[in-house]
Amino acid sequence: MTPEPIHPRPPQHAMPFVPGIKARNCGTLLFLSGATASPLYHKHPHDPAEITPPDDIREQTRRVMENLKLVLDASGATFRDVVKVTKFLTRMEEQDDVWAVMKEYFGDHLPTSTTVEVSSLVVPGLRLEVDMIAALGPAGR
């Protein structure tokens, strides 16, 4: 299964996403829960000593992407299988920094994308949460 980017007209500017993706015969879809810069597995209720996010949004983004990569790897998927990304930011002005790091993981593959500004996330200091949907093909993985 190869996701097919959909552009209603030729793009006039470089964008970090495509307007649509056609995923024919996608068969199995993988839904990834929202990930933050917190360790993937951590105590509930939260222990603030266990979750100490870095102040740098680029480093938070790397930790988010590494957490998502763990889930993709466990399912036999890669970032090239991702067809939808939703980003929740507490500071919209940081979206370009977030995408700069995400591009290190996605390379030239562009999923569809939505970015939403939120007032806060689950732990003070967290500024980014990302969830994804991946299409794994008719046989799954």
N, C-alpha and C. Protein backbone atom coordinates (compact mmCIF):
# COMPACT_ATOMS: atom_id res chain seq x y z
N MET A 1 0.84 -1.16 0.00
CA MET A 1 0.00 0.00 0.00
C MET A 1 0.89 1.23 0.00
N THR A 2 0.69 2.10 -0.96
CA THR A 2 1.41 3.35 -1.02
C THR A 2 0.42 4.49 -0.92
N PRO A 3 0.46 5.27 0.16
CA PRO A 3 -0.46 6.41 0.24
C PRO A 3 -0.23 7.36 -0.93
N GLU A 4 -1.31 7.83 -1.51
CA GLU A 4 -1.23 8.74 -2.66
C GLU A 4 -1.58 10.15 -2.21
N PRO A 5 -0.62 11.09 -2.28
CA PRO A 5 -0.91 12.47 -1.90
C PRO A 5 -1.95 13.06 -2.86
N ILE A 6 -2.86 13.86 -2.33
CA ILE A 6 -3.87 14.53 -3.13
C ILE A 6 -3.64 16.03 -3.03
N HIS A 7 -3.41 16.65 -4.19
CA HIS A 7 -3.27 18.11 -4.29
C HIS A 7 -4.34 18.60 -5.26
N PRO A 8 -5.33 19.39 -4.79
CA PRO A 8 -6.35 19.89 -5.70
C PRO A 8 -5.77 20.73 -6.84
N ARG A 9 -4.64 21.35 -6.57
CA ARG A 9 -3.91 22.09 -7.61
C ARG A 9 -2.44 22.05 -7.23
N PRO A 10 -1.54 22.32 -8.17
CA PRO A 10 -0.11 22.27 -7.84
C PRO A 10 0.21 23.23 -6.69
N PRO A 11 0.96 22.74 -5.68
CA PRO A 11 1.29 23.61 -4.55
C PRO A 11 2.14 24.80 -5.00
N GLN A 12 1.80 25.97 -4.49
CA GLN A 12 2.54 27.19 -4.81
C GLN A 12 3.71 27.42 -3.85
N HIS A 13 3.63 26.81 -2.69
CA HIS A 13 4.65 26.99 -1.66
C HIS A 13 4.92 25.65 -1.01
N ALA A 14 6.11 25.51 -0.44
CA ALA A 14 6.43 24.29 0.29
C ALA A 14 5.61 24.28 1.58
N MET A 15 4.95 23.17 1.84
CA MET A 15 4.14 23.03 3.05
C MET A 15 4.59 21.75 3.76
N PRO A 16 4.44 21.70 5.10
CA PRO A 16 4.84 20.50 5.85
C PRO A 16 3.75 19.44 5.90
N PHE A 17 2.79 19.46 4.99
CA PHE A 17 1.72 18.47 4.93
C PHE A 17 1.11 18.49 3.54
N VAL A 18 0.29 17.50 3.25
CA VAL A 18 -0.49 17.49 2.02
C VAL A 18 -1.96 17.68 2.39
N PRO A 19 -2.76 18.26 1.48
CA PRO A 19 -4.17 18.48 1.79
C PRO A 19 -4.96 17.18 2.00
N GLY A 20 -4.58 16.12 1.31
CA GLY A 20 -5.28 14.85 1.45
C GLY A 20 -4.39 13.69 1.07
N ILE A 21 -4.76 12.49 1.53
CA ILE A 21 -4.04 11.26 1.17
C ILE A 21 -5.08 10.20 0.86
N LYS A 22 -4.90 9.56 -0.29
CA LYS A 22 -5.75 8.43 -0.64
C LYS A 22 -5.00 7.16 -0.25
N ALA A 23 -5.60 6.37 0.61
CA ALA A 23 -4.97 5.13 1.07
C ALA A 23 -5.83 3.97 0.59
N ARG A 24 -5.57 3.51 -0.64
CA ARG A 24 -6.33 2.39 -1.21
C ARG A 24 -5.88 1.09 -0.57
N ASN A 25 -6.81 0.19 -0.39
CA ASN A 25 -6.48 -1.13 0.15
C ASN A 25 -5.64 -1.04 1.41
N CYS A 26 -5.97 -0.08 2.26
CA CYS A 26 -5.14 0.11 3.45
C CYS A 26 -5.31 -1.02 4.46
N GLY A 27 -6.43 -1.72 4.40
CA GLY A 27 -6.61 -2.87 5.28
C GLY A 27 -6.53 -2.52 6.75
N THR A 28 -5.38 -2.57 7.32
CA THR A 28 -5.18 -2.33 8.74
C THR A 28 -4.77 -0.89 9.00
N LEU A 29 -5.50 -0.25 9.90
CA LEU A 29 -5.12 1.08 10.34
C LEU A 29 -4.56 0.99 11.75
N LEU A 30 -3.52 1.75 12.01
CA LEU A 30 -2.90 1.82 13.33
C LEU A 30 -3.17 3.21 13.89
N PHE A 31 -3.82 3.28 15.04
CA PHE A 31 -4.10 4.55 15.71
C PHE A 31 -3.13 4.69 16.87
N LEU A 32 -2.34 5.75 16.84
CA LEU A 32 -1.36 5.99 17.90
C LEU A 32 -1.90 7.04 18.85
N SER A 33 -1.97 6.69 20.13
CA SER A 33 -2.42 7.64 21.15
C SER A 33 -1.49 8.84 21.20
N GLY A 34 -2.02 9.93 21.73
CA GLY A 34 -1.21 11.13 21.88
C GLY A 34 0.02 10.86 22.72
N ALA A 35 1.15 11.33 22.24
CA ALA A 35 2.42 11.18 22.95
C ALA A 35 2.97 12.56 23.28
N THR A 36 3.59 12.64 24.44
CA THR A 36 4.25 13.87 24.88
C THR A 36 5.73 13.57 25.10
N ALA A 37 6.42 14.54 25.68
CA ALA A 37 7.84 14.34 26.01
C ALA A 37 8.01 13.52 27.28
N SER A 38 6.92 13.11 27.91
CA SER A 38 6.99 12.23 29.07
C SER A 38 7.46 10.85 28.64
N PRO A 39 8.02 10.05 29.54
CA PRO A 39 8.32 8.67 29.17
C PRO A 39 7.04 7.99 28.69
N LEU A 40 7.15 7.11 27.72
CA LEU A 40 5.97 6.44 27.17
C LEU A 40 5.18 5.75 28.28
N TYR A 41 5.86 5.05 29.16
CA TYR A 41 5.22 4.42 30.31
C TYR A 41 5.64 5.19 31.56
N HIS A 42 4.65 5.68 32.28
CA HIS A 42 4.92 6.44 33.51
C HIS A 42 3.76 6.22 34.47
N LYS A 43 3.98 6.61 35.72
CA LYS A 43 2.99 6.37 36.78
C LYS A 43 1.72 7.18 36.57
N HIS A 44 0.63 6.59 37.04
CA HIS A 44 -0.66 7.29 37.10
C HIS A 44 -1.23 7.05 38.49
N PRO A 45 -1.60 8.06 39.24
CA PRO A 45 -1.50 9.45 38.85
C PRO A 45 -0.05 9.86 38.64
N HIS A 46 0.11 10.96 37.90
CA HIS A 46 1.46 11.39 37.51
C HIS A 46 2.32 11.74 38.71
N ASP A 47 3.58 11.39 38.61
CA ASP A 47 4.59 11.74 39.60
C ASP A 47 5.46 12.82 38.96
N PRO A 48 5.34 14.07 39.39
CA PRO A 48 6.11 15.15 38.77
C PRO A 48 7.61 14.89 38.71
N ALA A 49 8.14 14.15 39.66
CA ALA A 49 9.58 13.85 39.66
C ALA A 49 9.95 12.94 38.49
N GLU A 50 8.99 12.16 38.02
CA GLU A 50 9.23 11.23 36.92
C GLU A 50 9.13 11.92 35.55
N ILE A 51 8.38 13.02 35.51
CA ILE A 51 8.13 13.70 34.24
C ILE A 51 8.70 15.11 34.33
N THR A 52 9.89 15.27 33.80
CA THR A 52 10.54 16.56 33.80
C THR A 52 10.86 16.93 32.35
N PRO A 53 9.93 17.61 31.67
CA PRO A 53 10.17 17.93 30.27
C PRO A 53 11.25 18.99 30.09
N PRO A 54 12.03 18.88 29.04
CA PRO A 54 13.01 19.93 28.76
C PRO A 54 12.27 21.21 28.36
N ASP A 55 12.89 22.34 28.54
CA ASP A 55 12.25 23.61 28.17
C ASP A 55 12.29 23.84 26.66
N ASP A 56 13.26 23.24 25.97
CA ASP A 56 13.44 23.45 24.54
C ASP A 56 12.38 22.68 23.74
N ILE A 57 11.59 23.36 22.91
CA ILE A 57 10.53 22.71 22.15
C ILE A 57 11.09 21.70 21.16
N ARG A 58 12.26 21.94 20.63
CA ARG A 58 12.85 20.96 19.70
C ARG A 58 13.18 19.66 20.42
N GLU A 59 13.69 19.75 21.63
CA GLU A 59 14.00 18.54 22.40
C GLU A 59 12.71 17.85 22.83
N GLN A 60 11.70 18.62 23.21
CA GLN A 60 10.41 18.00 23.52
C GLN A 60 9.88 17.25 22.29
N THR A 61 10.01 17.87 21.12
CA THR A 61 9.52 17.23 19.89
C THR A 61 10.28 15.94 19.61
N ARG A 62 11.58 15.93 19.81
CA ARG A 62 12.36 14.69 19.61
C ARG A 62 11.87 13.58 20.53
N ARG A 63 11.61 13.91 21.77
CA ARG A 63 11.12 12.90 22.72
C ARG A 63 9.74 12.39 22.30
N VAL A 64 8.88 13.30 21.85
CA VAL A 64 7.55 12.89 21.35
C VAL A 64 7.72 11.92 20.19
N MET A 65 8.55 12.28 19.23
CA MET A 65 8.73 11.45 18.04
C MET A 65 9.36 10.11 18.38
N GLU A 66 10.27 10.07 19.34
CA GLU A 66 10.86 8.80 19.75
C GLU A 66 9.82 7.91 20.43
N ASN A 67 8.91 8.50 21.21
CA ASN A 67 7.83 7.71 21.82
C ASN A 67 6.92 7.14 20.74
N LEU A 68 6.58 7.95 19.74
CA LEU A 68 5.73 7.46 18.65
C LEU A 68 6.46 6.39 17.83
N LYS A 69 7.76 6.56 17.65
CA LYS A 69 8.56 5.58 16.91
C LYS A 69 8.54 4.22 17.61
N LEU A 70 8.56 4.21 18.93
CA LEU A 70 8.48 2.95 19.67
C LEU A 70 7.21 2.18 19.29
N VAL A 71 6.09 2.89 19.18
CA VAL A 71 4.82 2.24 18.84
C VAL A 71 4.84 1.79 17.38
N LEU A 72 5.33 2.64 16.49
CA LEU A 72 5.42 2.25 15.07
C LEU A 72 6.31 1.02 14.93
N ASP A 73 7.47 1.04 15.55
CA ASP A 73 8.40 -0.10 15.48
C ASP A 73 7.74 -1.38 15.99
N ALA A 74 7.02 -1.27 17.10
CA ALA A 74 6.39 -2.46 17.69
C ALA A 74 5.34 -3.07 16.77
N SER A 75 4.79 -2.26 15.86
CA SER A 75 3.77 -2.77 14.93
C SER A 75 4.36 -3.09 13.57
N GLY A 76 5.66 -2.89 13.40
CA GLY A 76 6.30 -3.15 12.11
C GLY A 76 6.08 -2.02 11.12
N ALA A 77 5.68 -0.85 11.59
CA ALA A 77 5.41 0.29 10.72
C ALA A 77 6.57 1.29 10.80
N THR A 78 6.52 2.28 9.90
CA THR A 78 7.49 3.37 9.90
C THR A 78 6.74 4.69 9.75
N PHE A 79 7.46 5.78 9.84
CA PHE A 79 6.84 7.08 9.65
C PHE A 79 6.30 7.23 8.22
N ARG A 80 6.80 6.47 7.27
CA ARG A 80 6.29 6.53 5.89
C ARG A 80 4.87 5.95 5.80
N ASP A 81 4.44 5.20 6.80
CA ASP A 81 3.08 4.64 6.82
C ASP A 81 2.07 5.61 7.41
N VAL A 82 2.55 6.67 8.03
CA VAL A 82 1.66 7.62 8.71
C VAL A 82 0.92 8.46 7.67
N VAL A 83 -0.41 8.49 7.81
CA VAL A 83 -1.23 9.27 6.87
C VAL A 83 -1.88 10.48 7.53
N LYS A 84 -1.91 10.54 8.86
CA LYS A 84 -2.55 11.65 9.56
C LYS A 84 -1.81 11.95 10.86
N VAL A 85 -1.54 13.23 11.08
CA VAL A 85 -0.89 13.71 12.30
C VAL A 85 -1.73 14.84 12.89
N THR A 86 -1.94 14.80 14.19
CA THR A 86 -2.57 15.92 14.88
C THR A 86 -1.59 16.39 15.95
N LYS A 87 -1.29 17.68 15.93
CA LYS A 87 -0.35 18.28 16.87
C LYS A 87 -1.11 19.23 17.79
N PHE A 88 -0.91 19.09 19.09
CA PHE A 88 -1.50 19.98 20.07
C PHE A 88 -0.36 20.76 20.70
N LEU A 89 -0.35 22.07 20.49
CA LEU A 89 0.72 22.95 20.97
C LEU A 89 0.17 23.95 21.98
N THR A 90 0.94 24.23 23.01
CA THR A 90 0.53 25.28 23.94
C THR A 90 1.01 26.65 23.47
N ARG A 91 1.90 26.67 22.47
CA ARG A 91 2.41 27.94 21.92
C ARG A 91 2.46 27.78 20.39
N MET A 92 1.45 28.28 19.72
CA MET A 92 1.35 28.12 18.27
C MET A 92 2.58 28.66 17.54
N GLU A 93 3.21 29.68 18.11
CA GLU A 93 4.38 30.26 17.44
C GLU A 93 5.54 29.27 17.35
N GLU A 94 5.46 28.13 18.03
CA GLU A 94 6.53 27.13 17.96
C GLU A 94 6.28 26.07 16.88
N GLN A 95 5.22 26.20 16.10
CA GLN A 95 4.89 25.16 15.13
C GLN A 95 6.00 24.94 14.09
N ASP A 96 6.71 25.98 13.67
CA ASP A 96 7.79 25.78 12.69
C ASP A 96 8.95 24.99 13.30
N ASP A 97 9.27 25.23 14.57
CA ASP A 97 10.32 24.46 15.24
C ASP A 97 9.90 23.00 15.38
N VAL A 98 8.64 22.78 15.70
CA VAL A 98 8.13 21.41 15.82
C VAL A 98 8.26 20.70 14.49
N TRP A 99 7.82 21.34 13.40
CA TRP A 99 7.89 20.69 12.10
C TRP A 99 9.34 20.44 11.68
N ALA A 100 10.25 21.34 12.00
CA ALA A 100 11.66 21.14 11.63
C ALA A 100 12.18 19.82 12.20
N VAL A 101 11.81 19.51 13.44
CA VAL A 101 12.25 18.24 14.05
C VAL A 101 11.47 17.07 13.44
N MET A 102 10.15 17.23 13.26
CA MET A 102 9.36 16.14 12.70
C MET A 102 9.87 15.75 11.31
N LYS A 103 10.34 16.72 10.55
CA LYS A 103 10.87 16.45 9.21
C LYS A 103 12.07 15.51 9.27
N GLU A 104 12.84 15.56 10.36
CA GLU A 104 13.96 14.63 10.52
C GLU A 104 13.46 13.18 10.52
N TYR A 105 12.26 12.96 11.00
CA TYR A 105 11.68 11.62 11.08
C TYR A 105 10.90 11.26 9.81
N PHE A 106 10.20 12.23 9.25
CA PHE A 106 9.37 11.97 8.07
C PHE A 106 10.14 12.07 6.76
N GLY A 107 11.25 12.78 6.73
CA GLY A 107 11.98 12.97 5.47
C GLY A 107 11.08 13.66 4.46
N ASP A 108 11.03 13.12 3.25
CA ASP A 108 10.21 13.75 2.21
C ASP A 108 8.76 13.27 2.23
N HIS A 109 8.41 12.36 3.13
CA HIS A 109 7.02 11.89 3.25
C HIS A 109 6.21 12.93 4.00
N LEU A 110 5.08 13.33 3.43
CA LEU A 110 4.23 14.32 4.07
C LEU A 110 2.86 13.72 4.35
N PRO A 111 2.50 13.55 5.63
CA PRO A 111 1.15 13.09 5.97
C PRO A 111 0.19 14.29 5.96
N THR A 112 -1.11 14.01 6.08
CA THR A 112 -2.03 15.10 6.34
C THR A 112 -1.80 15.56 7.77
N SER A 113 -2.22 16.80 8.08
CA SER A 113 -1.85 17.34 9.38
C SER A 113 -2.85 18.37 9.87
N THR A 114 -3.04 18.38 11.17
CA THR A 114 -3.83 19.40 11.84
C THR A 114 -3.03 19.88 13.05
N THR A 115 -3.01 21.19 13.26
CA THR A 115 -2.33 21.76 14.43
C THR A 115 -3.34 22.57 15.22
N VAL A 116 -3.39 22.32 16.51
CA VAL A 116 -4.35 22.98 17.39
C VAL A 116 -3.59 23.58 18.58
N GLU A 117 -3.93 24.82 18.93
CA GLU A 117 -3.35 25.40 20.13
C GLU A 117 -4.27 25.09 21.31
N VAL A 118 -3.65 24.63 22.40
CA VAL A 118 -4.37 24.30 23.62
C VAL A 118 -3.79 25.13 24.78
N SER A 119 -4.57 25.30 25.83
CA SER A 119 -4.09 26.13 26.94
C SER A 119 -3.07 25.41 27.81
N SER A 120 -3.19 24.07 27.90
CA SER A 120 -2.22 23.32 28.70
C SER A 120 -2.31 21.85 28.33
N LEU A 121 -1.30 21.10 28.77
CA LEU A 121 -1.28 19.65 28.58
C LEU A 121 -1.25 19.01 29.97
N VAL A 122 -1.15 17.69 30.01
CA VAL A 122 -1.39 16.92 31.23
C VAL A 122 -0.42 17.23 32.38
N VAL A 123 0.80 17.65 32.07
CA VAL A 123 1.80 17.96 33.09
C VAL A 123 2.36 19.35 32.82
N PRO A 124 2.51 20.19 33.83
CA PRO A 124 3.10 21.51 33.61
C PRO A 124 4.46 21.39 32.92
N GLY A 125 4.68 22.27 31.96
CA GLY A 125 5.94 22.27 31.23
C GLY A 125 5.88 21.55 29.90
N LEU A 126 4.92 20.63 29.74
CA LEU A 126 4.74 19.98 28.44
C LEU A 126 4.09 20.98 27.49
N ARG A 127 4.64 21.09 26.27
CA ARG A 127 4.12 22.06 25.31
C ARG A 127 3.66 21.43 24.01
N LEU A 128 3.80 20.09 23.88
CA LEU A 128 3.43 19.42 22.64
C LEU A 128 2.90 18.03 22.92
N GLU A 129 1.81 17.69 22.24
CA GLU A 129 1.30 16.32 22.21
C GLU A 129 0.95 16.02 20.76
N VAL A 130 1.27 14.81 20.31
CA VAL A 130 1.04 14.42 18.92
C VAL A 130 0.39 13.05 18.89
N ASP A 131 -0.67 12.93 18.07
CA ASP A 131 -1.21 11.59 17.78
C ASP A 131 -1.14 11.36 16.28
N MET A 132 -1.24 10.11 15.87
CA MET A 132 -1.07 9.74 14.46
C MET A 132 -1.98 8.59 14.08
N ILE A 133 -2.21 8.49 12.78
CA ILE A 133 -2.87 7.32 12.18
C ILE A 133 -1.95 6.84 11.06
N ALA A 134 -1.69 5.53 11.05
CA ALA A 134 -0.87 4.92 10.01
C ALA A 134 -1.71 3.89 9.26
N ALA A 135 -1.47 3.77 7.96
CA ALA A 135 -2.13 2.77 7.13
C ALA A 135 -1.11 1.68 6.83
N LEU A 136 -1.41 0.45 7.25
CA LEU A 136 -0.41 -0.62 7.20
C LEU A 136 -0.58 -1.59 6.04
N GLY A 137 -1.52 -1.37 5.17
CA GLY A 137 -1.66 -2.26 4.02
C GLY A 137 -2.68 -3.36 4.26
N PRO A 138 -3.07 -4.04 3.19
CA PRO A 138 -4.15 -5.03 3.28
C PRO A 138 -3.86 -6.19 4.22
N ALA A 139 -2.61 -6.58 4.37
CA ALA A 139 -2.29 -7.71 5.23
C ALA A 139 -1.92 -7.27 6.64
N GLY A 140 -1.90 -5.95 6.87
CA GLY A 140 -1.44 -5.48 8.18
C GLY A 140 0.05 -5.76 8.31
N ARG A 141 0.56 -5.69 9.51
CA ARG A 141 1.98 -5.98 9.74
C ARG A 141 2.14 -6.69 11.04
